[in-house]
Amino acid sequence: TIQVQAVPSPCPGPTSPSVGVVSDSSAVIYWNSTQSSFDVEYGLAGFTPGSGTSQIVFNDTLFLASLTAQTNYQYYVRSNCTSTGNGTSAWLGPIPFTTACVVQSMPYLQTFSSWPVPCFDTIGGTFSFKRDSISSSAVAYMDGRANSDNAILISPAILISTDAQLEFTWSHHKVTWANDKLLVSMREIGTQTWDVIWQKSGTNLHSPGGGQFVHGNFIP
């Protein structure tokens, strides 16, 4: 009888690499392992292993500081068993992550004069906000779809340091789209609940001059 079995690795590698809380300048990375010592290398997305920033870690979590806001990074991790004479495991990675945008200060102004807009999330909902090619301007623009469709545009976080007032202009394409609705909501950083602070729907959403393929006048 001949039996062939895989030889257990003398230095089992980590598994389940992930990324925890990410801010504009830091990130928490972690993984699972039964080992107690690890090599970690991280850097800008696409960096060549060996050219990044290296650290030796003695637990399964590492806090990365002094990162650049709104930047793509990646990391690699491996077990380090040299203290027991078993060398190191293979590298696991790259594991990508992106730092958050810097919290904006008041007064904050966004004219949508260029696209894409830095730090704005345009891809929420069942379809996305996009550039308005009809008027050759870059604005927050929604193209009509089925009644169940929606698009969500989320601004970067803004520090409300004193009493504040939100001002914006809007336009609607066609008054007869009675099921259309426009809502403006706010939420506190770190929470998941949005509070509606303004909304219009149906004929109240009409803006003069609007048509099926032409936006109406912008209304303050």
N, C-alpha and C. Protein backbone atom coordinates (compact mmCIF):
# COMPACT_ATOMS: atom_id res chain seq x y z
N THR A 1 0.84 -1.19 0.00
CA THR A 1 0.00 0.00 0.00
C THR A 1 0.88 1.25 0.00
N ILE A 2 0.59 2.13 -0.92
CA ILE A 2 1.33 3.40 -0.99
C ILE A 2 0.34 4.53 -0.75
N GLN A 3 0.63 5.38 0.16
CA GLN A 3 -0.22 6.53 0.47
C GLN A 3 0.58 7.81 0.35
N VAL A 4 0.08 8.75 -0.42
CA VAL A 4 0.76 10.03 -0.63
C VAL A 4 -0.05 11.12 0.06
N GLN A 5 0.56 11.85 0.93
CA GLN A 5 -0.11 12.92 1.65
C GLN A 5 0.69 14.21 1.56
N ALA A 6 -0.03 15.31 1.60
CA ALA A 6 0.64 16.61 1.62
C ALA A 6 1.37 16.79 2.94
N VAL A 7 2.57 17.31 2.86
CA VAL A 7 3.34 17.57 4.07
C VAL A 7 2.87 18.90 4.66
N PRO A 8 2.44 18.91 5.90
CA PRO A 8 1.98 20.17 6.51
C PRO A 8 3.09 21.22 6.45
N SER A 9 2.70 22.44 6.16
CA SER A 9 3.68 23.51 6.10
C SER A 9 4.29 23.73 7.48
N PRO A 10 5.61 23.85 7.55
CA PRO A 10 6.23 24.11 8.85
C PRO A 10 5.90 25.50 9.38
N CYS A 11 5.38 26.36 8.48
CA CYS A 11 5.02 27.73 8.88
C CYS A 11 3.70 28.09 8.21
N PRO A 12 2.57 27.70 8.80
CA PRO A 12 1.26 27.96 8.19
C PRO A 12 1.03 29.46 7.99
N GLY A 13 0.53 29.80 6.82
CA GLY A 13 0.29 31.20 6.51
C GLY A 13 -1.01 31.72 7.07
N PRO A 14 -1.18 33.02 7.12
CA PRO A 14 -2.43 33.63 7.61
C PRO A 14 -3.55 33.40 6.61
N THR A 15 -4.78 33.59 7.05
CA THR A 15 -5.95 33.48 6.20
C THR A 15 -6.90 34.65 6.46
N SER A 16 -7.91 34.76 5.61
CA SER A 16 -8.98 35.75 5.78
C SER A 16 -8.47 37.17 6.03
N PRO A 17 -7.60 37.68 5.18
CA PRO A 17 -7.14 39.06 5.37
C PRO A 17 -8.29 40.04 5.14
N SER A 18 -8.30 41.12 5.89
CA SER A 18 -9.39 42.08 5.75
C SER A 18 -8.91 43.46 6.15
N VAL A 19 -9.83 44.43 6.03
CA VAL A 19 -9.55 45.81 6.40
C VAL A 19 -10.68 46.29 7.29
N GLY A 20 -10.33 46.89 8.43
CA GLY A 20 -11.34 47.39 9.36
C GLY A 20 -11.63 48.86 9.13
N VAL A 21 -11.62 49.62 10.19
CA VAL A 21 -11.94 51.05 10.12
C VAL A 21 -10.89 51.79 9.30
N VAL A 22 -11.36 52.58 8.34
CA VAL A 22 -10.46 53.37 7.50
C VAL A 22 -10.85 54.84 7.62
N SER A 23 -9.88 55.70 7.90
CA SER A 23 -10.13 57.14 7.96
C SER A 23 -9.38 57.81 6.82
N ASP A 24 -9.30 59.14 6.87
CA ASP A 24 -8.57 59.84 5.82
C ASP A 24 -7.06 59.70 5.96
N SER A 25 -6.57 59.22 7.11
CA SER A 25 -5.13 59.13 7.31
C SER A 25 -4.68 57.82 7.96
N SER A 26 -5.59 56.88 8.17
CA SER A 26 -5.21 55.64 8.84
C SER A 26 -6.12 54.50 8.42
N ALA A 27 -5.69 53.29 8.75
CA ALA A 27 -6.49 52.10 8.47
C ALA A 27 -6.09 51.00 9.43
N VAL A 28 -7.04 50.14 9.75
CA VAL A 28 -6.78 48.96 10.56
C VAL A 28 -6.87 47.74 9.65
N ILE A 29 -5.81 46.93 9.61
CA ILE A 29 -5.82 45.71 8.81
C ILE A 29 -5.68 44.52 9.75
N TYR A 30 -6.23 43.39 9.34
CA TYR A 30 -6.16 42.21 10.21
C TYR A 30 -6.33 40.94 9.38
N TRP A 31 -6.07 39.80 10.04
CA TRP A 31 -6.12 38.50 9.39
C TRP A 31 -6.29 37.44 10.47
N ASN A 32 -6.47 36.19 10.05
CA ASN A 32 -6.59 35.08 11.00
C ASN A 32 -5.34 34.21 10.92
N SER A 33 -4.90 33.71 12.08
CA SER A 33 -3.73 32.83 12.10
C SER A 33 -3.54 32.24 13.49
N THR A 34 -2.91 31.08 13.52
CA THR A 34 -2.53 30.47 14.80
C THR A 34 -1.10 30.85 15.18
N GLN A 35 -0.43 31.57 14.30
CA GLN A 35 0.95 31.98 14.55
C GLN A 35 0.97 33.27 15.38
N SER A 36 2.16 33.67 15.80
CA SER A 36 2.27 34.85 16.68
C SER A 36 3.17 35.94 16.12
N SER A 37 3.77 35.70 14.97
CA SER A 37 4.68 36.70 14.39
C SER A 37 4.42 36.78 12.89
N PHE A 38 4.38 38.03 12.36
CA PHE A 38 4.03 38.22 10.96
C PHE A 38 4.86 39.33 10.33
N ASP A 39 5.11 39.20 9.04
CA ASP A 39 5.69 40.27 8.24
C ASP A 39 4.56 40.91 7.45
N VAL A 40 4.51 42.23 7.47
CA VAL A 40 3.51 42.98 6.71
C VAL A 40 4.24 43.98 5.83
N GLU A 41 3.80 44.08 4.59
CA GLU A 41 4.33 45.09 3.69
C GLU A 41 3.15 45.81 3.03
N TYR A 42 3.16 47.13 3.04
CA TYR A 42 2.06 47.88 2.45
C TYR A 42 2.61 49.07 1.66
N GLY A 43 1.77 49.59 0.78
CA GLY A 43 2.17 50.74 -0.03
C GLY A 43 1.04 51.13 -0.97
N LEU A 44 1.32 52.04 -1.88
CA LEU A 44 0.34 52.47 -2.86
C LEU A 44 -0.09 51.30 -3.73
N ALA A 45 -1.33 51.30 -4.17
CA ALA A 45 -1.84 50.22 -5.00
C ALA A 45 -0.93 49.99 -6.21
N GLY A 46 -0.57 48.72 -6.44
CA GLY A 46 0.28 48.38 -7.56
C GLY A 46 1.76 48.37 -7.25
N PHE A 47 2.15 48.65 -5.99
CA PHE A 47 3.58 48.68 -5.67
C PHE A 47 4.18 47.28 -5.84
N THR A 48 5.46 47.24 -6.14
CA THR A 48 6.19 45.98 -6.30
C THR A 48 6.61 45.47 -4.93
N PRO A 49 6.24 44.23 -4.57
CA PRO A 49 6.68 43.69 -3.27
C PRO A 49 8.19 43.82 -3.11
N GLY A 50 8.58 44.29 -1.96
CA GLY A 50 9.98 44.57 -1.69
C GLY A 50 10.28 46.05 -1.71
N SER A 51 9.35 46.84 -2.29
CA SER A 51 9.56 48.28 -2.37
C SER A 51 8.62 49.05 -1.45
N GLY A 52 7.75 48.34 -0.71
CA GLY A 52 6.80 49.00 0.16
C GLY A 52 7.35 49.24 1.56
N THR A 53 6.47 49.60 2.47
CA THR A 53 6.83 49.80 3.87
C THR A 53 6.62 48.49 4.62
N SER A 54 7.65 48.01 5.30
CA SER A 54 7.59 46.72 5.98
C SER A 54 7.55 46.86 7.49
N GLN A 55 6.81 45.98 8.14
CA GLN A 55 6.76 45.94 9.60
C GLN A 55 6.65 44.49 10.06
N ILE A 56 7.22 44.22 11.23
CA ILE A 56 7.05 42.93 11.90
C ILE A 56 5.99 43.11 12.97
N VAL A 57 5.00 42.24 12.98
CA VAL A 57 3.85 42.38 13.87
C VAL A 57 3.73 41.12 14.73
N PHE A 58 3.39 41.30 16.00
CA PHE A 58 3.30 40.16 16.91
C PHE A 58 1.87 39.87 17.33
N ASN A 59 0.90 40.28 16.52
CA ASN A 59 -0.49 39.88 16.69
C ASN A 59 -1.16 39.91 15.32
N ASP A 60 -2.45 39.68 15.27
CA ASP A 60 -3.13 39.57 13.97
C ASP A 60 -3.80 40.86 13.51
N THR A 61 -3.39 42.00 14.08
CA THR A 61 -3.98 43.29 13.73
C THR A 61 -2.89 44.35 13.68
N LEU A 62 -3.01 45.26 12.71
CA LEU A 62 -2.01 46.32 12.60
C LEU A 62 -2.71 47.63 12.27
N PHE A 63 -2.36 48.68 12.98
CA PHE A 63 -2.88 50.03 12.73
C PHE A 63 -1.88 50.77 11.85
N LEU A 64 -2.32 51.19 10.67
CA LEU A 64 -1.47 51.94 9.75
C LEU A 64 -1.78 53.42 9.87
N ALA A 65 -0.77 54.23 10.14
CA ALA A 65 -0.96 55.67 10.32
C ALA A 65 -0.23 56.44 9.23
N SER A 66 -0.44 57.75 9.22
CA SER A 66 0.24 58.67 8.30
C SER A 66 -0.01 58.33 6.83
N LEU A 67 -1.24 57.89 6.54
CA LEU A 67 -1.62 57.61 5.15
C LEU A 67 -2.15 58.89 4.51
N THR A 68 -2.23 58.88 3.20
CA THR A 68 -2.74 60.03 2.44
C THR A 68 -4.22 59.84 2.15
N ALA A 69 -4.99 60.91 2.32
CA ALA A 69 -6.43 60.84 2.10
C ALA A 69 -6.77 60.51 0.65
N GLN A 70 -7.91 59.84 0.46
CA GLN A 70 -8.45 59.54 -0.86
C GLN A 70 -7.40 58.88 -1.76
N THR A 71 -6.76 57.83 -1.24
CA THR A 71 -5.67 57.16 -1.95
C THR A 71 -5.84 55.66 -1.87
N ASN A 72 -5.54 54.96 -2.97
CA ASN A 72 -5.62 53.51 -3.01
C ASN A 72 -4.33 52.88 -2.49
N TYR A 73 -4.48 51.96 -1.55
CA TYR A 73 -3.34 51.24 -0.97
C TYR A 73 -3.58 49.73 -1.11
N GLN A 74 -2.55 48.96 -0.79
CA GLN A 74 -2.70 47.51 -0.68
C GLN A 74 -1.65 46.99 0.30
N TYR A 75 -1.91 45.79 0.84
CA TYR A 75 -0.92 45.20 1.75
C TYR A 75 -0.79 43.71 1.50
N TYR A 76 0.37 43.19 1.94
CA TYR A 76 0.66 41.77 1.93
C TYR A 76 0.99 41.36 3.36
N VAL A 77 0.72 40.09 3.71
CA VAL A 77 1.08 39.59 5.04
C VAL A 77 1.52 38.14 4.92
N ARG A 78 2.48 37.74 5.76
CA ARG A 78 2.91 36.35 5.82
C ARG A 78 3.31 36.01 7.25
N SER A 79 3.25 34.75 7.58
CA SER A 79 3.70 34.31 8.91
C SER A 79 5.22 34.28 8.94
N ASN A 80 5.79 34.62 10.10
CA ASN A 80 7.23 34.61 10.30
C ASN A 80 7.54 33.60 11.40
N CYS A 81 8.08 32.46 10.98
CA CYS A 81 8.36 31.38 11.94
C CYS A 81 9.87 31.17 12.12
N THR A 82 10.65 32.20 11.85
CA THR A 82 12.10 32.05 11.92
C THR A 82 12.58 31.77 13.34
N SER A 83 11.80 32.19 14.35
CA SER A 83 12.23 31.95 15.74
C SER A 83 12.21 30.47 16.08
N THR A 84 11.42 29.69 15.34
CA THR A 84 11.37 28.24 15.57
C THR A 84 12.13 27.48 14.49
N GLY A 85 12.82 28.21 13.64
CA GLY A 85 13.62 27.58 12.60
C GLY A 85 12.82 27.10 11.40
N ASN A 86 11.60 27.61 11.25
CA ASN A 86 10.73 27.14 10.16
C ASN A 86 10.52 28.18 9.07
N GLY A 87 11.34 29.18 9.02
CA GLY A 87 11.28 30.16 7.93
C GLY A 87 10.02 30.99 7.93
N THR A 88 9.51 31.28 6.75
CA THR A 88 8.31 32.09 6.60
C THR A 88 7.33 31.40 5.66
N SER A 89 6.07 31.81 5.75
CA SER A 89 5.07 31.28 4.83
C SER A 89 5.10 32.08 3.53
N ALA A 90 4.28 31.68 2.58
CA ALA A 90 4.13 32.47 1.36
C ALA A 90 3.38 33.76 1.69
N TRP A 91 3.62 34.79 0.89
CA TRP A 91 2.91 36.05 1.07
C TRP A 91 1.43 35.87 0.72
N LEU A 92 0.57 36.53 1.45
CA LEU A 92 -0.86 36.58 1.16
C LEU A 92 -1.21 38.00 0.76
N GLY A 93 -1.81 38.17 -0.42
CA GLY A 93 -2.14 39.51 -0.89
C GLY A 93 -1.98 39.61 -2.39
N PRO A 94 -2.19 40.78 -2.98
CA PRO A 94 -2.43 42.04 -2.27
C PRO A 94 -3.88 42.19 -1.81
N ILE A 95 -4.07 42.87 -0.68
CA ILE A 95 -5.39 43.18 -0.14
C ILE A 95 -5.56 44.69 -0.28
N PRO A 96 -6.50 45.15 -1.11
CA PRO A 96 -6.64 46.58 -1.39
C PRO A 96 -7.52 47.30 -0.37
N PHE A 97 -7.29 48.58 -0.21
CA PHE A 97 -8.18 49.46 0.54
C PHE A 97 -7.94 50.89 0.10
N THR A 98 -8.90 51.75 0.38
CA THR A 98 -8.83 53.16 -0.01
C THR A 98 -9.11 54.04 1.18
N THR A 99 -8.26 55.00 1.42
CA THR A 99 -8.48 55.92 2.53
C THR A 99 -9.64 56.87 2.22
N ALA A 100 -10.26 57.36 3.27
CA ALA A 100 -11.42 58.25 3.13
C ALA A 100 -10.98 59.65 2.72
N CYS A 101 -11.96 60.44 2.31
CA CYS A 101 -11.69 61.84 1.99
C CYS A 101 -11.55 62.66 3.27
N VAL A 102 -10.85 63.74 3.18
CA VAL A 102 -10.71 64.66 4.32
C VAL A 102 -12.08 65.26 4.62
N VAL A 103 -12.41 65.38 5.89
CA VAL A 103 -13.66 66.05 6.29
C VAL A 103 -13.58 67.51 5.86
N GLN A 104 -14.59 67.97 5.13
CA GLN A 104 -14.60 69.33 4.61
C GLN A 104 -15.00 70.33 5.70
N SER A 105 -14.51 71.55 5.55
CA SER A 105 -14.83 72.61 6.50
C SER A 105 -15.85 73.58 5.88
N MET A 106 -16.54 74.30 6.74
CA MET A 106 -17.44 75.37 6.28
C MET A 106 -16.64 76.66 6.03
N PRO A 107 -17.02 77.47 5.05
CA PRO A 107 -18.11 77.23 4.09
C PRO A 107 -17.65 76.25 3.02
N TYR A 108 -18.56 75.40 2.57
CA TYR A 108 -18.25 74.40 1.55
C TYR A 108 -19.06 74.71 0.30
N LEU A 109 -18.42 74.71 -0.87
CA LEU A 109 -19.08 75.00 -2.14
C LEU A 109 -18.70 73.96 -3.17
N GLN A 110 -19.70 73.41 -3.85
CA GLN A 110 -19.46 72.49 -4.96
C GLN A 110 -20.30 72.95 -6.15
N THR A 111 -19.65 73.31 -7.25
CA THR A 111 -20.36 73.82 -8.42
C THR A 111 -20.60 72.76 -9.49
N PHE A 112 -20.03 71.57 -9.32
CA PHE A 112 -20.12 70.50 -10.31
C PHE A 112 -19.60 70.97 -11.68
N SER A 113 -18.57 71.81 -11.66
CA SER A 113 -18.01 72.33 -12.91
C SER A 113 -17.07 71.35 -13.58
N SER A 114 -16.73 70.26 -12.90
CA SER A 114 -15.91 69.21 -13.51
C SER A 114 -16.47 67.87 -13.06
N TRP A 115 -16.08 66.82 -13.76
CA TRP A 115 -16.61 65.47 -13.47
C TRP A 115 -15.55 64.44 -13.77
N PRO A 116 -15.36 63.42 -12.93
CA PRO A 116 -16.10 63.17 -11.70
C PRO A 116 -15.75 64.15 -10.59
N VAL A 117 -16.63 64.26 -9.63
CA VAL A 117 -16.44 65.20 -8.53
C VAL A 117 -15.69 64.50 -7.41
N PRO A 118 -14.53 65.01 -7.00
CA PRO A 118 -13.76 64.35 -5.95
C PRO A 118 -14.57 64.16 -4.67
N CYS A 119 -14.51 62.97 -4.14
CA CYS A 119 -15.10 62.62 -2.84
C CYS A 119 -16.62 62.57 -2.85
N PHE A 120 -17.26 62.69 -4.00
CA PHE A 120 -18.69 62.47 -4.10
C PHE A 120 -18.94 61.03 -4.54
N ASP A 121 -19.85 60.35 -3.86
CA ASP A 121 -20.26 59.00 -4.26
C ASP A 121 -21.41 59.14 -5.24
N THR A 122 -21.20 58.73 -6.48
CA THR A 122 -22.20 58.90 -7.53
C THR A 122 -22.89 57.61 -7.94
N ILE A 123 -22.52 56.48 -7.33
CA ILE A 123 -22.98 55.18 -7.83
C ILE A 123 -23.95 54.48 -6.90
N GLY A 124 -24.52 55.22 -5.94
CA GLY A 124 -25.52 54.60 -5.09
C GLY A 124 -26.83 54.40 -5.85
N GLY A 125 -27.70 53.55 -5.33
CA GLY A 125 -28.99 53.32 -5.97
C GLY A 125 -28.91 52.32 -7.10
N THR A 126 -29.97 52.23 -7.88
CA THR A 126 -30.03 51.26 -8.98
C THR A 126 -29.41 51.79 -10.26
N PHE A 127 -29.15 53.08 -10.36
CA PHE A 127 -28.34 53.64 -11.43
C PHE A 127 -27.64 54.88 -10.92
N SER A 128 -26.73 55.40 -11.71
CA SER A 128 -25.79 56.39 -11.20
C SER A 128 -26.09 57.81 -11.68
N PHE A 129 -25.62 58.78 -10.90
CA PHE A 129 -25.55 60.15 -11.39
C PHE A 129 -24.43 60.20 -12.43
N LYS A 130 -24.55 61.14 -13.38
CA LYS A 130 -23.54 61.23 -14.43
C LYS A 130 -23.50 62.66 -14.98
N ARG A 131 -22.60 62.86 -15.90
CA ARG A 131 -22.46 64.19 -16.50
C ARG A 131 -23.60 64.47 -17.46
N ASP A 132 -24.12 65.69 -17.44
CA ASP A 132 -25.20 66.09 -18.33
C ASP A 132 -24.61 66.52 -19.67
N SER A 133 -24.64 65.60 -20.65
CA SER A 133 -24.05 65.90 -21.95
C SER A 133 -24.96 66.78 -22.80
N ILE A 134 -26.26 66.85 -22.47
CA ILE A 134 -27.19 67.66 -23.25
C ILE A 134 -26.82 69.14 -23.16
N SER A 135 -26.54 69.60 -21.96
CA SER A 135 -26.21 71.01 -21.77
C SER A 135 -24.70 71.26 -21.76
N SER A 136 -23.91 70.19 -22.00
CA SER A 136 -22.45 70.29 -21.99
C SER A 136 -21.93 70.90 -20.70
N SER A 137 -22.58 70.56 -19.61
CA SER A 137 -22.12 71.01 -18.30
C SER A 137 -22.06 69.82 -17.37
N ALA A 138 -21.27 69.96 -16.34
CA ALA A 138 -21.12 68.87 -15.39
C ALA A 138 -21.98 69.16 -14.17
N VAL A 139 -23.09 68.45 -14.07
CA VAL A 139 -24.02 68.67 -12.97
C VAL A 139 -24.46 67.32 -12.42
N ALA A 140 -25.05 67.33 -11.25
CA ALA A 140 -25.63 66.12 -10.71
C ALA A 140 -26.92 65.86 -11.48
N TYR A 141 -26.93 64.79 -12.26
CA TYR A 141 -27.98 64.59 -13.26
C TYR A 141 -28.52 63.17 -13.18
N MET A 142 -29.85 63.00 -13.19
CA MET A 142 -30.47 61.68 -13.19
C MET A 142 -31.26 61.48 -14.46
N ASP A 143 -31.12 60.32 -15.04
CA ASP A 143 -31.81 59.97 -16.27
C ASP A 143 -33.00 59.07 -15.92
N GLY A 144 -34.20 59.38 -16.43
CA GLY A 144 -35.40 58.66 -16.02
C GLY A 144 -35.36 57.18 -16.31
N ARG A 145 -35.86 56.39 -15.39
CA ARG A 145 -35.92 54.94 -15.54
C ARG A 145 -37.28 54.45 -15.04
N ALA A 146 -37.37 53.20 -14.65
CA ALA A 146 -38.61 52.63 -14.13
C ALA A 146 -38.95 53.25 -12.78
N ASN A 147 -40.22 53.09 -12.38
CA ASN A 147 -40.68 53.71 -11.14
C ASN A 147 -39.90 53.26 -9.91
N SER A 148 -39.35 52.04 -9.96
CA SER A 148 -38.63 51.52 -8.80
C SER A 148 -37.17 51.94 -8.77
N ASP A 149 -36.69 52.59 -9.83
CA ASP A 149 -35.28 52.98 -9.89
C ASP A 149 -35.01 54.23 -9.06
N ASN A 150 -33.77 54.36 -8.63
CA ASN A 150 -33.36 55.55 -7.91
C ASN A 150 -31.87 55.75 -8.06
N ALA A 151 -31.44 56.97 -7.90
CA ALA A 151 -30.02 57.30 -7.92
C ALA A 151 -29.70 58.10 -6.66
N ILE A 152 -28.52 57.86 -6.10
CA ILE A 152 -28.14 58.50 -4.85
C ILE A 152 -26.79 59.18 -5.03
N LEU A 153 -26.73 60.44 -4.68
CA LEU A 153 -25.49 61.22 -4.74
C LEU A 153 -25.12 61.62 -3.32
N ILE A 154 -23.96 61.20 -2.84
CA ILE A 154 -23.55 61.47 -1.46
C ILE A 154 -22.32 62.37 -1.45
N SER A 155 -22.41 63.45 -0.71
CA SER A 155 -21.30 64.40 -0.61
C SER A 155 -20.25 63.89 0.36
N PRO A 156 -19.07 64.48 0.36
CA PRO A 156 -18.11 64.17 1.42
C PRO A 156 -18.62 64.68 2.76
N ALA A 157 -18.05 64.19 3.83
CA ALA A 157 -18.43 64.66 5.17
C ALA A 157 -18.06 66.13 5.33
N ILE A 158 -18.93 66.87 5.95
CA ILE A 158 -18.71 68.31 6.17
C ILE A 158 -18.84 68.59 7.66
N LEU A 159 -17.85 69.23 8.23
CA LEU A 159 -17.88 69.58 9.65
C LEU A 159 -18.78 70.80 9.84
N ILE A 160 -19.90 70.60 10.54
CA ILE A 160 -20.81 71.71 10.84
C ILE A 160 -20.36 72.34 12.15
N SER A 161 -19.58 73.40 12.03
CA SER A 161 -18.94 73.99 13.20
C SER A 161 -19.79 75.07 13.87
N THR A 162 -20.87 75.48 13.22
CA THR A 162 -21.76 76.50 13.77
C THR A 162 -23.11 76.35 13.09
N ASP A 163 -24.08 77.20 13.41
CA ASP A 163 -25.36 77.13 12.72
C ASP A 163 -25.12 77.24 11.21
N ALA A 164 -25.79 76.38 10.45
CA ALA A 164 -25.50 76.30 9.02
C ALA A 164 -26.79 76.26 8.20
N GLN A 165 -26.66 76.63 6.95
CA GLN A 165 -27.78 76.60 6.01
C GLN A 165 -27.31 75.95 4.72
N LEU A 166 -28.11 75.00 4.23
CA LEU A 166 -27.81 74.33 2.98
C LEU A 166 -28.53 75.03 1.83
N GLU A 167 -27.79 75.38 0.78
CA GLU A 167 -28.37 75.99 -0.40
C GLU A 167 -27.98 75.17 -1.63
N PHE A 168 -28.92 74.98 -2.55
CA PHE A 168 -28.63 74.24 -3.77
C PHE A 168 -29.63 74.64 -4.85
N THR A 169 -29.27 74.37 -6.10
CA THR A 169 -30.20 74.59 -7.21
C THR A 169 -30.50 73.24 -7.83
N TRP A 170 -31.70 73.11 -8.41
CA TRP A 170 -32.11 71.84 -8.98
C TRP A 170 -32.96 72.09 -10.22
N SER A 171 -33.05 71.08 -11.05
CA SER A 171 -33.87 71.17 -12.24
C SER A 171 -34.45 69.79 -12.54
N HIS A 172 -35.64 69.78 -13.17
CA HIS A 172 -36.30 68.53 -13.51
C HIS A 172 -36.59 68.52 -15.00
N HIS A 173 -36.54 67.35 -15.62
CA HIS A 173 -36.70 67.27 -17.07
C HIS A 173 -38.15 67.40 -17.52
N LYS A 174 -39.08 66.72 -16.88
CA LYS A 174 -40.42 66.67 -17.47
C LYS A 174 -41.48 66.63 -16.38
N VAL A 175 -42.42 67.55 -16.42
CA VAL A 175 -43.44 67.66 -15.39
C VAL A 175 -44.37 66.46 -15.35
N THR A 176 -44.57 65.78 -16.49
CA THR A 176 -45.53 64.68 -16.53
C THR A 176 -45.00 63.38 -15.94
N TRP A 177 -43.75 63.36 -15.53
CA TRP A 177 -43.24 62.18 -14.83
C TRP A 177 -43.67 62.31 -13.37
N ALA A 178 -44.92 61.98 -13.11
CA ALA A 178 -45.54 62.28 -11.81
C ALA A 178 -44.95 61.47 -10.67
N ASN A 179 -44.31 60.36 -10.96
CA ASN A 179 -43.76 59.53 -9.89
C ASN A 179 -42.35 59.92 -9.49
N ASP A 180 -41.77 60.88 -10.17
CA ASP A 180 -40.41 61.31 -9.83
C ASP A 180 -40.42 62.03 -8.48
N LYS A 181 -39.33 61.87 -7.76
CA LYS A 181 -39.21 62.51 -6.45
C LYS A 181 -37.75 62.89 -6.23
N LEU A 182 -37.54 64.04 -5.62
CA LEU A 182 -36.20 64.50 -5.26
C LEU A 182 -36.16 64.74 -3.76
N LEU A 183 -35.23 64.08 -3.09
CA LEU A 183 -35.10 64.22 -1.64
C LEU A 183 -33.69 64.66 -1.29
N VAL A 184 -33.58 65.49 -0.27
CA VAL A 184 -32.29 65.87 0.30
C VAL A 184 -32.28 65.39 1.74
N SER A 185 -31.27 64.61 2.08
CA SER A 185 -31.18 64.03 3.42
C SER A 185 -29.82 64.32 4.02
N MET A 186 -29.75 64.24 5.35
CA MET A 186 -28.49 64.42 6.07
C MET A 186 -28.37 63.32 7.11
N ARG A 187 -27.14 62.98 7.46
CA ARG A 187 -26.90 62.06 8.56
C ARG A 187 -25.61 62.45 9.28
N GLU A 188 -25.52 62.09 10.51
CA GLU A 188 -24.31 62.36 11.29
C GLU A 188 -23.24 61.34 10.94
N ILE A 189 -22.00 61.78 10.88
CA ILE A 189 -20.89 60.88 10.58
C ILE A 189 -20.87 59.74 11.58
N GLY A 190 -20.72 58.52 11.07
CA GLY A 190 -20.67 57.34 11.92
C GLY A 190 -22.02 56.70 12.17
N THR A 191 -23.09 57.29 11.64
CA THR A 191 -24.43 56.72 11.79
C THR A 191 -24.93 56.24 10.44
N GLN A 192 -26.01 55.46 10.44
CA GLN A 192 -26.55 54.91 9.22
C GLN A 192 -27.92 55.50 8.86
N THR A 193 -28.52 56.27 9.76
CA THR A 193 -29.87 56.78 9.53
C THR A 193 -29.84 58.14 8.86
N TRP A 194 -30.56 58.24 7.73
CA TRP A 194 -30.65 59.50 7.01
C TRP A 194 -31.94 60.20 7.40
N ASP A 195 -31.87 61.51 7.64
CA ASP A 195 -33.04 62.33 7.95
C ASP A 195 -33.35 63.22 6.74
N VAL A 196 -34.58 63.11 6.21
CA VAL A 196 -34.98 63.92 5.07
C VAL A 196 -35.22 65.36 5.54
N ILE A 197 -34.55 66.32 4.90
CA ILE A 197 -34.71 67.73 5.29
C ILE A 197 -35.41 68.55 4.21
N TRP A 198 -35.59 67.96 3.01
CA TRP A 198 -36.28 68.67 1.92
C TRP A 198 -36.71 67.65 0.89
N GLN A 199 -37.89 67.83 0.29
CA GLN A 199 -38.30 66.93 -0.77
C GLN A 199 -39.37 67.58 -1.64
N LYS A 200 -39.40 67.17 -2.90
CA LYS A 200 -40.45 67.56 -3.84
C LYS A 200 -40.75 66.35 -4.72
N SER A 201 -42.02 66.26 -5.16
CA SER A 201 -42.40 65.13 -6.00
C SER A 201 -43.55 65.53 -6.91
N GLY A 202 -43.80 64.70 -7.92
CA GLY A 202 -44.92 64.93 -8.82
C GLY A 202 -44.86 66.29 -9.50
N THR A 203 -46.00 66.96 -9.58
CA THR A 203 -46.05 68.27 -10.25
C THR A 203 -45.29 69.34 -9.48
N ASN A 204 -45.08 69.14 -8.18
CA ASN A 204 -44.30 70.11 -7.40
C ASN A 204 -42.82 70.10 -7.80
N LEU A 205 -42.43 69.06 -8.53
CA LEU A 205 -41.03 68.95 -8.96
C LEU A 205 -40.81 69.65 -10.30
N HIS A 206 -41.86 70.24 -10.86
CA HIS A 206 -41.75 70.88 -12.17
C HIS A 206 -40.79 72.06 -12.14
N SER A 207 -39.94 72.16 -13.15
CA SER A 207 -39.11 73.35 -13.33
C SER A 207 -39.36 73.87 -14.74
N PRO A 208 -39.72 75.15 -14.90
CA PRO A 208 -40.10 75.71 -16.20
C PRO A 208 -39.04 75.47 -17.26
N GLY A 209 -39.51 75.14 -18.47
CA GLY A 209 -38.60 74.93 -19.59
C GLY A 209 -38.14 73.50 -19.75
N GLY A 210 -38.52 72.62 -18.81
CA GLY A 210 -38.07 71.24 -18.88
C GLY A 210 -38.83 70.44 -19.91
N GLY A 211 -38.19 69.51 -20.55
CA GLY A 211 -38.80 68.60 -21.50
C GLY A 211 -38.24 67.21 -21.32
N GLN A 212 -38.62 66.28 -22.17
CA GLN A 212 -38.18 64.91 -21.99
C GLN A 212 -36.66 64.77 -22.12
N PHE A 213 -36.05 65.57 -23.00
CA PHE A 213 -34.62 65.46 -23.22
C PHE A 213 -33.86 66.75 -22.89
N VAL A 214 -34.56 67.70 -22.30
CA VAL A 214 -33.94 68.99 -21.95
C VAL A 214 -34.31 69.34 -20.52
N HIS A 215 -33.30 69.66 -19.70
CA HIS A 215 -33.60 70.05 -18.31
C HIS A 215 -34.25 71.40 -18.28
N GLY A 216 -35.01 71.67 -17.23
CA GLY A 216 -35.66 72.97 -17.07
C GLY A 216 -34.72 73.99 -16.44
N ASN A 217 -35.29 75.15 -16.11
CA ASN A 217 -34.50 76.17 -15.44
C ASN A 217 -34.05 75.66 -14.08
N PHE A 218 -32.87 76.07 -13.67
CA PHE A 218 -32.39 75.68 -12.33
C PHE A 218 -33.05 76.58 -11.30
N ILE A 219 -33.58 75.98 -10.26
CA ILE A 219 -34.35 76.67 -9.26
C ILE A 219 -33.59 76.68 -7.94
N PRO A 220 -33.40 77.83 -7.31
CA PRO A 220 -32.70 77.87 -6.02
C PRO A 220 -33.58 77.40 -4.89
